Structures are given as C-alpha cells and as structure tokens.
Amino acid sequence: MVPLLRVMHAGFRVRRPAIVRTLAGWLRAQPRPAAVVSVFPNFNGILKDAISASHPGVPLVVVLTDLADFPPRFWIEPGIDRVVVATDEARRQGLATGIPEPRITRVSGMVLHPRFHRTGGEDARPRLRAELGVAEGDFVVTLLFGGKGSPEMLPLAERLLGADETLRLVAVSGDNPRLHERLAALAAGSRGRLAALGFTDRVADVLEATDVLVTKPGPGSLSEAFQHRVPVVVARNVHTIPQERFNTDFVRDRGLGTVVRHWREIPEAVGRLRADPARRTAIRARLAALPENRAVYEVVDTIVREAGVTPSSHL
C-alpha cells in the first residue's frame, strides 16, 4: 500500500499543473465562495493552488477526517490557510509541515453525526438491550466493519459464537445484502445469540448496548466507540491501510482496547476482556477521561470564523 501511495503522489506531482488549470477553470465558473472546505486527502495542495488562481484571497480550510496525517502530505500541505485536527500528533505534523501554529485548530475529537451526541437517559442501556433481545447481565460484542462490512465478519461471528456459548453478538453488515443474508442465516441457528443488522442509522443505539466493539481501525468507528465509552478490539497487520496504522497506536498507547495481529486472534482477545472486568472498568475510565467530543460544532464555528460569516447567517 505504501509503494502505491508513493506512485500515486508521484503521478500527482507530474500532472499537478494540468490538474490545477482544470480545477481553477471550473472554480472560476462558480460564484466566489466565502471559504473552501476540504475533507478529502491527497489533493489539498492542488486545491490550494487552484483556489489561489481562480479566487485569490478565499481561504482553504482542511478538516482532517483521520486522527493523524500520513506523511508526506497526505492531508497537510504548506500554505493551507486553516488546518483542523483532532489529535496532538496531527497538530505536531501540521507544525512540521510549516503551518503556523495560529493556523492550526485543535478540536476535541473526530467529527461525529449529532445523533452520537444524544443520550437516552439512564434507562437507555437496558431499554436498547431489551430491543435487541439482550438481558442486562449478558455480555454483548458488536461487529462493525464499515459501511460495506467485511468478508471476515461471518467466520469471525462463527468463531465467537463457538468460543463462548453465553456470548451475545450484534453484527452490522452495512450496505452489503449478500453478507447480511449469510449473517442472518447464521443468526437463525444461533438460538437468539446473534442479531444480524443491515445498513442502519442506529449505530449509536447499538453502541449504547455494547460491552466490546470489534471493528476495523477506521477513525469514524473508533471515535464513535470512544464517544460511547466502549472498549475496542482491532487488528493491525500488513493489510492495514497506512493512514489507519496510527489509529491502532492510539488505541494501544492510551489503553482504550486491544490490538491484535490477525482477525483470528479476536475471539481470544474478546475472551480475555470478558474474563477481566477490572480491565474493562479501567479502559472505560480512560475512555471517560478523553475530552468531551464537540467537534461537529467546533468545526462549524471554525469554518464560520475563517470565512468571515456572521453567526446569524449560518446554520
């Protein structure tokens, strides 16, 4: 993956003048914006040059949707007007790239959908567990591997069910009908121990009912788990995409869960967590000590200030 990224960046360097001209031409045909916001990597240097050529003086605000940059210049390029980051590591990377400190905004976490900021009150957990057919004393493991799921989810669910006959599973397959069908068939024979969900906008509710989240080390899923104080189990190996490797370090170094080398090691890792309630309590305490995540609101305020828009004119 890393050599591929290097080849891709080399291609961007070669084609950069032509891409800048094309993008600048398109931007000139658009109304002059108050600001341009990028939530996408790789092209921010190109975008900066195109904005300068088409709309001089319009600020470019880059909002990282990763916990940290993957140097060189995956997200952060010299000359960007405002960089919004969620970790101290990304802030240091911005400084090392040459972004002046006043041009770096450190927010309290990754941007989450506002539904992850809502709470259902003290009865939320038992109520949501009851909806899933889970008793309060049951140990619930949720499998969540992005919007399209992952092929490993089926054998992983089988191994987890086989490893502990009292374990309860929730498997969210996302927008993957084939995977959902296979998980639903497994659920049918699980005597109610597996709930198979497809694409859903109720991930926040599922996490509220969860004891451990098994997921890929993407910044979104991890941040959602952090918000709900749920310990995580993730795998890191040669197949982990480069920009997500820092995320596994973040989990390990801060004691927010368990990092394993292969998905086949996950059932054992889950078993160790279940058998050690003191460790789970300690992880939840470290999760609770993370800054309150208000990033979705902080980022909007940052963009409004950078654009020079009065608060009454945006929503």
C-alpha atoms as a PDB file:
ATOM      1  CA  MET A   1       0.000   0.000   0.000  1.00  0.00           C
ATOM      2  CA  VAL A   2       2.788   2.447   0.848  1.00  0.00           C
ATOM      3  CA  PRO A   3       4.592   1.994  -2.524  1.00  0.00           C
ATOM      4  CA  LEU A   4       1.232   2.501  -4.258  1.00  0.00           C
ATOM      5  CA  LEU A   5       0.717   5.775  -2.386  1.00  0.00           C
ATOM      6  CA  ARG A   6       4.181   6.925  -3.408  1.00  0.00           C
ATOM      7  CA  VAL A   7       3.464   6.131  -7.041  1.00  0.00           C
ATOM      8  CA  MET A   8       0.138   7.953  -6.804  1.00  0.00           C
ATOM      9  CA  HIS A   9       1.765  11.039  -5.265  1.00  0.00           C
ATOM     10  CA  ALA A  10       4.455  10.981  -7.953  1.00  0.00           C
ATOM     11  CA  GLY A  11       1.684  10.967 -10.544  1.00  0.00           C
ATOM     12  CA  PHE A  12       0.030  13.951  -8.870  1.00  0.00           C
ATOM     13  CA  ARG A  13       3.336  15.850  -8.975  1.00  0.00           C
ATOM     14  CA  VAL A  14       3.761  15.190 -12.675  1.00  0.00           C
ATOM     15  CA  ARG A  15       0.180  16.108 -13.537  1.00  0.00           C
ATOM     16  CA  ARG A  16      -0.204  18.869 -10.943  1.00  0.00           C
ATOM     17  CA  PRO A  17      -0.042  21.911 -13.313  1.00  0.00           C
ATOM     18  CA  ALA A  18      -2.662  20.408 -15.638  1.00  0.00           C
ATOM     19  CA  ILE A  19      -4.964  19.410 -12.776  1.00  0.00           C
ATOM     20  CA  VAL A  20      -4.624  22.866 -11.203  1.00  0.00           C
ATOM     21  CA  ARG A  21      -5.533  24.565 -14.515  1.00  0.00           C
ATOM     22  CA  THR A  22      -8.592  22.350 -14.977  1.00  0.00           C
ATOM     23  CA  LEU A  23      -9.822  22.816 -11.413  1.00  0.00           C
ATOM     24  CA  ALA A  24      -9.139  26.568 -11.468  1.00  0.00           C
ATOM     25  CA  GLY A  25     -11.172  26.849 -14.662  1.00  0.00           C
ATOM     26  CA  TRP A  26     -14.101  25.092 -13.043  1.00  0.00           C
ATOM     27  CA  LEU A  27     -13.843  27.252  -9.912  1.00  0.00           C
ATOM     28  CA  ARG A  28     -13.851  30.472 -11.957  1.00  0.00           C
ATOM     29  CA  ALA A  29     -17.239  29.450 -13.327  1.00  0.00           C
ATOM     30  CA  GLN A  30     -18.639  29.194  -9.791  1.00  0.00           C
ATOM     31  CA  PRO A  31     -19.785  32.057  -7.552  1.00  0.00           C
ATOM     32  CA  ARG A  32     -16.975  33.308  -5.355  1.00  0.00           C
ATOM     33  CA  PRO A  33     -17.141  31.329  -2.104  1.00  0.00           C
ATOM     34  CA  ALA A  34     -16.548  32.718   1.366  1.00  0.00           C
ATOM     35  CA  ALA A  35     -14.296  29.717   2.030  1.00  0.00           C
ATOM     36  CA  VAL A  36     -13.489  26.299   0.597  1.00  0.00           C
ATOM     37  CA  VAL A  37     -13.594  23.317   2.953  1.00  0.00           C
ATOM     38  CA  SER A  38     -11.772  20.076   2.157  1.00  0.00           C
ATOM     39  CA  VAL A  39     -12.475  16.828   3.993  1.00  0.00           C
ATOM     40  CA  PHE A  40     -10.518  14.753   1.480  1.00  0.00           C
ATOM     41  CA  PRO A  41      -6.794  13.892   1.352  1.00  0.00           C
ATOM     42  CA  ASN A  42      -4.249  13.836  -1.492  1.00  0.00           C
ATOM     43  CA  PHE A  43      -5.462  16.899  -3.409  1.00  0.00           C
ATOM     44  CA  ASN A  44      -5.174  19.706  -0.888  1.00  0.00           C
ATOM     45  CA  GLY A  45      -2.015  21.206  -2.392  1.00  0.00           C
ATOM     46  CA  ILE A  46      -3.639  21.132  -5.819  1.00  0.00           C
ATOM     47  CA  LEU A  47      -6.818  22.622  -4.403  1.00  0.00           C
ATOM     48  CA  LYS A  48      -4.858  25.401  -2.684  1.00  0.00           C
ATOM     49  CA  ASP A  49      -3.161  26.381  -5.959  1.00  0.00           C
ATOM     50  CA  ALA A  50      -6.434  26.240  -7.897  1.00  0.00           C
ATOM     51  CA  ILE A  51      -8.198  28.496  -5.385  1.00  0.00           C
ATOM     52  CA  SER A  52      -5.314  30.984  -5.474  1.00  0.00           C
ATOM     53  CA  ALA A  53      -5.515  31.090  -9.272  1.00  0.00           C
ATOM     54  CA  SER A  54      -9.297  31.379  -9.508  1.00  0.00           C
ATOM     55  CA  HIS A  55     -10.411  33.210  -6.354  1.00  0.00           C
ATOM     56  CA  PRO A  56      -7.425  34.921  -4.702  1.00  0.00           C
ATOM     57  CA  GLY A  57      -7.959  35.572  -1.019  1.00  0.00           C
ATOM     58  CA  VAL A  58     -10.516  32.816  -0.472  1.00  0.00           C
ATOM     59  CA  PRO A  59      -9.317  30.662   2.442  1.00  0.00           C
ATOM     60  CA  LEU A  60      -8.905  26.894   2.219  1.00  0.00           C
ATOM     61  CA  VAL A  61      -9.884  25.031   5.381  1.00  0.00           C
ATOM     62  CA  VAL A  62      -8.717  21.404   5.558  1.00  0.00           C
ATOM     63  CA  VAL A  63     -10.551  19.279   8.111  1.00  0.00           C
ATOM     64  CA  LEU A  64      -8.710  16.014   8.724  1.00  0.00           C
ATOM     65  CA  THR A  65     -11.027  13.025   8.910  1.00  0.00           C
ATOM     66  CA  ASP A  66      -8.130  10.877  10.104  1.00  0.00           C
ATOM     67  CA  LEU A  67      -6.675  11.003  13.602  1.00  0.00           C
ATOM     68  CA  ALA A  68      -3.305  11.925  12.112  1.00  0.00           C
ATOM     69  CA  ASP A  69      -1.701  12.684   8.762  1.00  0.00           C
ATOM     70  CA  PHE A  70       0.238  10.085   6.809  1.00  0.00           C
ATOM     71  CA  PRO A  71       3.354  11.932   5.681  1.00  0.00           C
ATOM     72  CA  PRO A  72       4.423  13.209   3.368  1.00  0.00           C
ATOM     73  CA  ARG A  73       1.493  15.485   2.600  1.00  0.00           C
ATOM     74  CA  PHE A  74      -1.376  13.030   2.579  1.00  0.00           C
ATOM     75  CA  TRP A  75      -3.552  15.696   4.222  1.00  0.00           C
ATOM     76  CA  ILE A  76      -1.455  18.710   5.211  1.00  0.00           C
ATOM     77  CA  GLU A  77       0.312  20.866   2.620  1.00  0.00           C
ATOM     78  CA  PRO A  78       2.303  24.070   3.152  1.00  0.00           C
ATOM     79  CA  GLY A  79       0.294  27.217   2.570  1.00  0.00           C
ATOM     80  CA  ILE A  80      -3.100  25.896   3.659  1.00  0.00           C
ATOM     81  CA  ASP A  81      -4.994  28.700   5.406  1.00  0.00           C
ATOM     82  CA  ARG A  82      -6.524  26.629   8.191  1.00  0.00           C
ATOM     83  CA  VAL A  83      -5.946  23.030   9.273  1.00  0.00           C
ATOM     84  CA  VAL A  84      -8.408  21.424  11.695  1.00  0.00           C
ATOM     85  CA  VAL A  85      -7.080  18.404  13.590  1.00  0.00           C
ATOM     86  CA  ALA A  86      -8.363  16.062  16.281  1.00  0.00           C
ATOM     87  CA  THR A  87      -5.110  14.940  17.952  1.00  0.00           C
ATOM     88  CA  ASP A  88      -1.897  16.434  19.247  1.00  0.00           C
ATOM     89  CA  GLU A  89       0.016  14.208  16.823  1.00  0.00           C
ATOM     90  CA  ALA A  90      -1.757  15.790  13.837  1.00  0.00           C
ATOM     91  CA  ARG A  91      -1.099  19.219  15.307  1.00  0.00           C
ATOM     92  CA  ARG A  92       2.635  18.446  15.510  1.00  0.00           C
ATOM     93  CA  GLN A  93       2.539  17.195  11.932  1.00  0.00           C
ATOM     94  CA  GLY A  94       0.985  20.464  10.816  1.00  0.00           C
ATOM     95  CA  LEU A  95       3.735  22.433  12.538  1.00  0.00           C
ATOM     96  CA  ALA A  96       6.399  20.204  10.967  1.00  0.00           C
ATOM     97  CA  THR A  97       4.877  20.828   7.531  1.00  0.00           C
ATOM     98  CA  GLY A  98       5.260  24.568   8.041  1.00  0.00           C
ATOM     99  CA  ILE A  99       1.726  25.551   9.012  1.00  0.00           C
ATOM    100  CA  PRO A 100       1.980  28.399  11.566  1.00  0.00           C
ATOM    101  CA  GLU A 101       0.588  27.450  14.957  1.00  0.00           C
ATOM    102  CA  PRO A 102      -2.204  30.089  14.834  1.00  0.00           C
ATOM    103  CA  ARG A 103      -3.406  28.460  11.591  1.00  0.00           C
ATOM    104  CA  ILE A 104      -3.932  25.063  13.246  1.00  0.00           C
ATOM    105  CA  THR A 105      -7.174  24.438  15.126  1.00  0.00           C
ATOM    106  CA  ARG A 106      -7.132  21.530  17.547  1.00  0.00           C
ATOM    107  CA  VAL A 107     -10.704  20.369  18.120  1.00  0.00           C
ATOM    108  CA  SER A 108     -11.899  17.911  20.741  1.00  0.00           C
ATOM    109  CA  GLY A 109     -12.186  14.829  18.525  1.00  0.00           C
ATOM    110  CA  MET A 110     -13.310  13.496  15.181  1.00  0.00           C
ATOM    111  CA  VAL A 111     -16.489  14.924  13.662  1.00  0.00           C
ATOM    112  CA  LEU A 112     -19.418  12.665  14.534  1.00  0.00           C
ATOM    113  CA  HIS A 113     -23.024  12.786  13.424  1.00  0.00           C
ATOM    114  CA  PRO A 114     -25.069  14.716  16.031  1.00  0.00           C
ATOM    115  CA  ARG A 115     -27.003  11.531  16.863  1.00  0.00           C
ATOM    116  CA  PHE A 116     -23.856  10.287  18.634  1.00  0.00           C
ATOM    117  CA  HIS A 117     -24.137  13.254  20.975  1.00  0.00           C
ATOM    118  CA  ARG A 118     -27.662  12.443  22.083  1.00  0.00           C
ATOM    119  CA  THR A 119     -28.259  10.385  25.184  1.00  0.00           C
ATOM    120  CA  GLY A 120     -31.345   8.443  26.028  1.00  0.00           C
ATOM    121  CA  GLY A 121     -31.078   8.967  29.759  1.00  0.00           C
ATOM    122  CA  GLU A 122     -30.248   6.491  32.482  1.00  0.00           C
ATOM    123  CA  ASP A 123     -32.623   3.860  31.104  1.00  0.00           C
ATOM    124  CA  ALA A 124     -31.110   3.913  27.590  1.00  0.00           C
ATOM    125  CA  ARG A 125     -28.847   0.895  28.004  1.00  0.00           C
ATOM    126  CA  PRO A 126     -31.422  -1.561  29.436  1.00  0.00           C
ATOM    127  CA  ARG A 127     -34.087  -0.303  27.042  1.00  0.00           C
ATOM    128  CA  LEU A 128     -31.870  -0.710  23.970  1.00  0.00           C
ATOM    129  CA  ARG A 129     -30.588  -4.082  25.119  1.00  0.00           C
ATOM    130  CA  ALA A 130     -34.168  -5.217  25.535  1.00  0.00           C
ATOM    131  CA  GLU A 131     -34.861  -4.168  21.929  1.00  0.00           C
ATOM    132  CA  LEU A 132     -32.009  -6.432  20.843  1.00  0.00           C
ATOM    133  CA  GLY A 133     -33.301  -9.277  22.981  1.00  0.00           C
ATOM    134  CA  VAL A 134     -30.372  -8.932  25.373  1.00  0.00           C
ATOM    135  CA  ALA A 135     -30.661  -9.155  29.149  1.00  0.00           C
ATOM    136  CA  GLU A 136     -28.840  -6.648  31.309  1.00  0.00           C
ATOM    137  CA  GLY A 137     -26.367  -9.253  32.559  1.00  0.00           C
ATOM    138  CA  ASP A 138     -25.435 -10.545  29.092  1.00  0.00           C
ATOM    139  CA  PHE A 139     -22.050  -9.730  27.570  1.00  0.00           C
ATOM    140  CA  VAL A 140     -22.606  -8.098  24.162  1.00  0.00           C
ATOM    141  CA  VAL A 141     -19.998  -7.915  21.412  1.00  0.00           C
ATOM    142  CA  THR A 142     -20.744  -5.830  18.327  1.00  0.00           C
ATOM    143  CA  LEU A 143     -19.049  -6.451  14.977  1.00  0.00           C
ATOM    144  CA  LEU A 144     -18.872  -3.325  12.816  1.00  0.00           C
ATOM    145  CA  PHE A 145     -16.559  -3.144   9.810  1.00  0.00           C
ATOM    146  CA  GLY A 146     -17.548  -0.030   7.900  1.00  0.00           C
ATOM    147  CA  GLY A 147     -20.389   0.789   5.571  1.00  0.00           C
ATOM    148  CA  LYS A 148     -19.923  -2.339   3.452  1.00  0.00           C
ATOM    149  CA  GLY A 149     -18.969  -4.783   6.165  1.00  0.00           C
ATOM    150  CA  SER A 150     -16.135  -7.257   5.668  1.00  0.00           C
ATOM    151  CA  PRO A 151     -15.885 -10.885   4.463  1.00  0.00           C
ATOM    152  CA  GLU A 152     -14.230 -11.803   7.762  1.00  0.00           C
ATOM    153  CA  MET A 153     -17.379 -10.972   9.689  1.00  0.00           C
ATOM    154  CA  LEU A 154     -19.054 -14.328   9.003  1.00  0.00           C
ATOM    155  CA  PRO A 155     -16.203 -16.629  10.089  1.00  0.00           C
ATOM    156  CA  LEU A 156     -15.439 -14.259  12.957  1.00  0.00           C
ATOM    157  CA  ALA A 157     -19.046 -14.422  14.175  1.00  0.00           C
ATOM    158  CA  GLU A 158     -18.942 -18.230  13.909  1.00  0.00           C
ATOM    159  CA  ARG A 159     -15.742 -18.401  15.971  1.00  0.00           C
ATOM    160  CA  LEU A 160     -17.038 -16.018  18.618  1.00  0.00           C
ATOM    161  CA  LEU A 161     -20.275 -17.971  18.993  1.00  0.00           C
ATOM    162  CA  GLY A 162     -18.317 -21.216  19.201  1.00  0.00           C
ATOM    163  CA  ALA A 163     -15.777 -19.892  21.693  1.00  0.00           C
ATOM    164  CA  ASP A 164     -18.312 -18.823  24.317  1.00  0.00           C
ATOM    165  CA  GLU A 165     -21.829 -20.220  24.450  1.00  0.00           C
ATOM    166  CA  THR A 166     -23.052 -17.352  26.633  1.00  0.00           C
ATOM    167  CA  LEU A 167     -21.763 -14.554  24.402  1.00  0.00           C
ATOM    168  CA  ARG A 168     -24.286 -12.319  22.619  1.00  0.00           C
ATOM    169  CA  LEU A 169     -23.372 -10.824  19.250  1.00  0.00           C
ATOM    170  CA  VAL A 170     -24.640  -7.948  17.142  1.00  0.00           C
ATOM    171  CA  ALA A 171     -23.275  -7.979  13.580  1.00  0.00           C
ATOM    172  CA  VAL A 172     -23.816  -4.846  11.465  1.00  0.00           C
ATOM    173  CA  SER A 173     -23.165  -5.745   7.829  1.00  0.00           C
ATOM    174  CA  GLY A 174     -23.908  -2.301   6.395  1.00  0.00           C
ATOM    175  CA  ASP A 175     -24.886  -1.917   2.763  1.00  0.00           C
ATOM    176  CA  ASN A 176     -23.940  -5.463   1.826  1.00  0.00           C
ATOM    177  CA  PRO A 177     -27.048  -7.575   1.152  1.00  0.00           C
ATOM    178  CA  ARG A 178     -25.065 -10.742   0.422  1.00  0.00           C
ATOM    179  CA  LEU A 179     -23.194 -10.539   3.714  1.00  0.00           C
ATOM    180  CA  HIS A 180     -26.389  -9.691   5.572  1.00  0.00           C
ATOM    181  CA  GLU A 181     -28.117 -12.780   4.138  1.00  0.00           C
ATOM    182  CA  ARG A 182     -25.288 -15.027   5.306  1.00  0.00           C
ATOM    183  CA  LEU A 183     -25.205 -13.460   8.773  1.00  0.00           C
ATOM    184  CA  ALA A 184     -28.996 -13.699   9.017  1.00  0.00           C
ATOM    185  CA  ALA A 185     -28.779 -17.424   8.203  1.00  0.00           C
ATOM    186  CA  LEU A 186     -26.202 -17.826  10.980  1.00  0.00           C
ATOM    187  CA  ALA A 187     -28.443 -15.831  13.326  1.00  0.00           C
ATOM    188  CA  ALA A 188     -31.387 -18.130  12.579  1.00  0.00           C
ATOM    189  CA  GLY A 189     -29.473 -21.055  14.052  1.00  0.00           C
ATOM    190  CA  SER A 190     -27.913 -19.169  16.942  1.00  0.00           C
ATOM    191  CA  ARG A 191     -30.811 -19.618  19.413  1.00  0.00           C
ATOM    192  CA  GLY A 192     -31.138 -15.849  19.655  1.00  0.00           C
ATOM    193  CA  ARG A 193     -27.469 -15.235  20.430  1.00  0.00           C
ATOM    194  CA  LEU A 194     -26.769 -13.282  17.220  1.00  0.00           C
ATOM    195  CA  ALA A 195     -28.651 -10.219  15.971  1.00  0.00           C
ATOM    196  CA  ALA A 196     -27.840  -9.539  12.324  1.00  0.00           C
ATOM    197  CA  LEU A 197     -28.414  -5.958  11.206  1.00  0.00           C
ATOM    198  CA  GLY A 198     -28.016  -4.493   7.740  1.00  0.00           C
ATOM    199  CA  PHE A 199     -27.478  -0.834   6.960  1.00  0.00           C
ATOM    200  CA  THR A 200     -28.753   1.173   9.913  1.00  0.00           C
ATOM    201  CA  ASP A 201     -28.717   4.710  11.256  1.00  0.00           C
ATOM    202  CA  ARG A 202     -28.924   3.359  14.807  1.00  0.00           C
ATOM    203  CA  VAL A 203     -25.251   2.584  15.376  1.00  0.00           C
ATOM    204  CA  ALA A 204     -25.255   4.980  18.328  1.00  0.00           C
ATOM    205  CA  ASP A 205     -28.047   2.957  19.931  1.00  0.00           C
ATOM    206  CA  VAL A 206     -26.241  -0.317  19.243  1.00  0.00           C
ATOM    207  CA  LEU A 207     -23.075   1.029  20.871  1.00  0.00           C
ATOM    208  CA  GLU A 208     -25.068   2.100  23.914  1.00  0.00           C
ATOM    209  CA  ALA A 209     -25.996  -1.576  24.370  1.00  0.00           C
ATOM    210  CA  THR A 210     -22.476  -2.914  23.657  1.00  0.00           C
ATOM    211  CA  ASP A 211     -19.759  -4.145  26.029  1.00  0.00           C
ATOM    212  CA  VAL A 212     -16.957  -4.537  23.432  1.00  0.00           C
ATOM    213  CA  LEU A 213     -16.760  -3.333  19.841  1.00  0.00           C
ATOM    214  CA  VAL A 214     -14.820  -5.378  17.293  1.00  0.00           C
ATOM    215  CA  THR A 215     -14.067  -3.156  14.322  1.00  0.00           C
ATOM    216  CA  LYS A 216     -11.542  -2.100  11.736  1.00  0.00           C
ATOM    217  CA  PRO A 217      -9.255   0.714  12.877  1.00  0.00           C
ATOM    218  CA  GLY A 218     -11.064   3.421  10.960  1.00  0.00           C
ATOM    219  CA  PRO A 219     -11.228   6.832  12.628  1.00  0.00           C
ATOM    220  CA  GLY A 220     -15.016   7.020  12.418  1.00  0.00           C
ATOM    221  CA  SER A 221     -15.897   3.714  14.086  1.00  0.00           C
ATOM    222  CA  LEU A 222     -13.223   4.170  16.737  1.00  0.00           C
ATOM    223  CA  SER A 223     -14.389   7.689  17.571  1.00  0.00           C
ATOM    224  CA  GLU A 224     -17.988   6.519  17.810  1.00  0.00           C
ATOM    225  CA  ALA A 225     -16.900   3.838  20.260  1.00  0.00           C
ATOM    226  CA  PHE A 226     -14.867   6.362  22.257  1.00  0.00           C
ATOM    227  CA  GLN A 227     -17.907   8.631  22.453  1.00  0.00           C
ATOM    228  CA  HIS A 228     -19.956   5.804  23.963  1.00  0.00           C
ATOM    229  CA  ARG A 229     -17.109   4.629  26.232  1.00  0.00           C
ATOM    230  CA  VAL A 230     -16.949   1.195  24.598  1.00  0.00           C
ATOM    231  CA  PRO A 231     -13.636  -0.744  24.640  1.00  0.00           C
ATOM    232  CA  VAL A 232     -12.479  -1.825  21.190  1.00  0.00           C
ATOM    233  CA  VAL A 233     -10.650  -4.752  19.632  1.00  0.00           C
ATOM    234  CA  VAL A 234      -8.895  -4.031  16.333  1.00  0.00           C
ATOM    235  CA  ALA A 235      -6.346  -5.800  14.139  1.00  0.00           C
ATOM    236  CA  ARG A 236      -3.167  -4.313  12.728  1.00  0.00           C
ATOM    237  CA  ASN A 237      -1.035  -6.062  10.107  1.00  0.00           C
ATOM    238  CA  VAL A 238       0.341  -5.616   6.585  1.00  0.00           C
ATOM    239  CA  HIS A 239      -3.199  -5.219   5.256  1.00  0.00           C
ATOM    240  CA  THR A 240      -3.962  -2.206   7.478  1.00  0.00           C
ATOM    241  CA  ILE A 241      -4.065   0.878   5.269  1.00  0.00           C
ATOM    242  CA  PRO A 242      -1.221   3.291   6.110  1.00  0.00           C
ATOM    243  CA  GLN A 243      -3.333   6.200   7.348  1.00  0.00           C
ATOM    244  CA  GLU A 244      -5.083   3.906   9.861  1.00  0.00           C
ATOM    245  CA  ARG A 245      -1.944   2.485  11.467  1.00  0.00           C
ATOM    246  CA  PHE A 246      -1.661   5.482  13.774  1.00  0.00           C
ATOM    247  CA  ASN A 247      -5.183   4.685  14.996  1.00  0.00           C
ATOM    248  CA  THR A 248      -4.037   1.307  16.311  1.00  0.00           C
ATOM    249  CA  ASP A 249      -1.162   3.033  18.125  1.00  0.00           C
ATOM    250  CA  PHE A 250      -3.697   5.468  19.596  1.00  0.00           C
ATOM    251  CA  VAL A 251      -5.783   2.576  20.953  1.00  0.00           C
ATOM    252  CA  ARG A 252      -2.771   0.671  22.304  1.00  0.00           C
ATOM    253  CA  ASP A 253      -0.811   3.575  23.787  1.00  0.00           C
ATOM    254  CA  ARG A 254      -3.823   5.069  25.551  1.00  0.00           C
ATOM    255  CA  GLY A 255      -5.158   1.743  26.776  1.00  0.00           C
ATOM    256  CA  LEU A 256      -8.528   2.103  25.045  1.00  0.00           C
ATOM    257  CA  GLY A 257      -8.793  -1.516  23.945  1.00  0.00           C
ATOM    258  CA  THR A 258      -6.827  -4.383  22.433  1.00  0.00           C
ATOM    259  CA  VAL A 259      -4.785  -4.535  19.222  1.00  0.00           C
ATOM    260  CA  VAL A 260      -4.178  -7.964  17.680  1.00  0.00           C
ATOM    261  CA  ARG A 261      -2.239  -9.076  14.621  1.00  0.00           C
ATOM    262  CA  HIS A 262      -4.986 -11.002  12.819  1.00  0.00           C
ATOM    263  CA  TRP A 263      -8.734 -11.291  12.971  1.00  0.00           C
ATOM    264  CA  ARG A 264      -8.362 -14.937  14.015  1.00  0.00           C
ATOM    265  CA  GLU A 265      -6.923 -13.682  17.322  1.00  0.00           C
ATOM    266  CA  ILE A 266     -10.005 -11.590  18.058  1.00  0.00           C
ATOM    267  CA  PRO A 267     -12.109 -14.283  19.823  1.00  0.00           C
ATOM    268  CA  GLU A 268      -9.304 -14.900  22.321  1.00  0.00           C
ATOM    269  CA  ALA A 269      -8.855 -11.149  22.867  1.00  0.00           C
ATOM    270  CA  VAL A 270     -12.583 -10.754  23.480  1.00  0.00           C
ATOM    271  CA  GLY A 271     -12.485 -13.674  25.896  1.00  0.00           C
ATOM    272  CA  ARG A 272      -9.682 -12.068  27.878  1.00  0.00           C
ATOM    273  CA  LEU A 273     -11.609  -8.821  28.128  1.00  0.00           C
ATOM    274  CA  ARG A 274     -14.740 -10.601  29.255  1.00  0.00           C
ATOM    275  CA  ALA A 275     -12.849 -12.537  31.901  1.00  0.00           C
ATOM    276  CA  ASP A 276     -11.276  -9.398  33.328  1.00  0.00           C
ATOM    277  CA  PRO A 277     -13.970  -6.938  34.468  1.00  0.00           C
ATOM    278  CA  ALA A 278     -11.346  -4.854  36.290  1.00  0.00           C
ATOM    279  CA  ARG A 279      -9.539  -4.283  33.000  1.00  0.00           C
ATOM    280  CA  ARG A 280     -12.774  -3.314  31.275  1.00  0.00           C
ATOM    281  CA  THR A 281     -13.528  -0.868  34.073  1.00  0.00           C
ATOM    282  CA  ALA A 282     -10.053   0.646  33.707  1.00  0.00           C
ATOM    283  CA  ILE A 283     -10.499   1.000  29.926  1.00  0.00           C
ATOM    284  CA  ARG A 284     -13.867   2.681  30.395  1.00  0.00           C
ATOM    285  CA  ALA A 285     -12.297   5.064  32.904  1.00  0.00           C
ATOM    286  CA  ARG A 286      -9.637   6.032  30.338  1.00  0.00           C
ATOM    287  CA  LEU A 287     -12.334   6.465  27.704  1.00  0.00           C
ATOM    288  CA  ALA A 288     -14.313   8.669  30.082  1.00  0.00           C
ATOM    289  CA  ALA A 289     -11.199  10.779  30.620  1.00  0.00           C
ATOM    290  CA  LEU A 290     -10.975  11.670  26.933  1.00  0.00           C
ATOM    291  CA  PRO A 291     -12.051  15.242  26.117  1.00  0.00           C
ATOM    292  CA  GLU A 292     -15.761  15.698  25.575  1.00  0.00           C
ATOM    293  CA  ASN A 293     -16.171  15.429  21.822  1.00  0.00           C
ATOM    294  CA  ARG A 294     -17.843  18.581  20.478  1.00  0.00           C
ATOM    295  CA  ALA A 295     -16.002  18.547  17.162  1.00  0.00           C
ATOM    296  CA  VAL A 296     -19.051  18.723  14.897  1.00  0.00           C
ATOM    297  CA  TYR A 297     -19.928  22.069  16.474  1.00  0.00           C
ATOM    298  CA  GLU A 298     -16.350  23.298  16.861  1.00  0.00           C
ATOM    299  CA  VAL A 299     -15.585  22.675  13.188  1.00  0.00           C
ATOM    300  CA  VAL A 300     -18.643  24.639  12.049  1.00  0.00           C
ATOM    301  CA  ASP A 301     -17.621  27.551  14.268  1.00  0.00           C
ATOM    302  CA  THR A 302     -14.065  27.396  12.911  1.00  0.00           C
ATOM    303  CA  ILE A 303     -15.239  27.489   9.297  1.00  0.00           C
ATOM    304  CA  VAL A 304     -17.619  30.358  10.010  1.00  0.00           C
ATOM    305  CA  ARG A 305     -14.833  32.410  11.583  1.00  0.00           C
ATOM    306  CA  GLU A 306     -12.395  31.643   8.775  1.00  0.00           C
ATOM    307  CA  ALA A 307     -14.986  32.610   6.166  1.00  0.00           C
ATOM    308  CA  GLY A 308     -15.821  35.846   7.987  1.00  0.00           C
ATOM    309  CA  VAL A 309     -19.505  34.942   8.096  1.00  0.00           C
ATOM    310  CA  THR A 310     -21.611  36.360  10.893  1.00  0.00           C
ATOM    311  CA  PRO A 311     -23.056  33.654  13.185  1.00  0.00           C
ATOM    312  CA  SER A 312     -26.631  34.698  12.414  1.00  0.00           C
ATOM    313  CA  SER A 313     -26.186  33.873   8.720  1.00  0.00           C
ATOM    314  CA  HIS A 314     -25.161  30.246   9.002  1.00  0.00           C
ATOM    315  CA  LEU A 315     -26.861  27.047  10.035  1.00  0.00           C
END
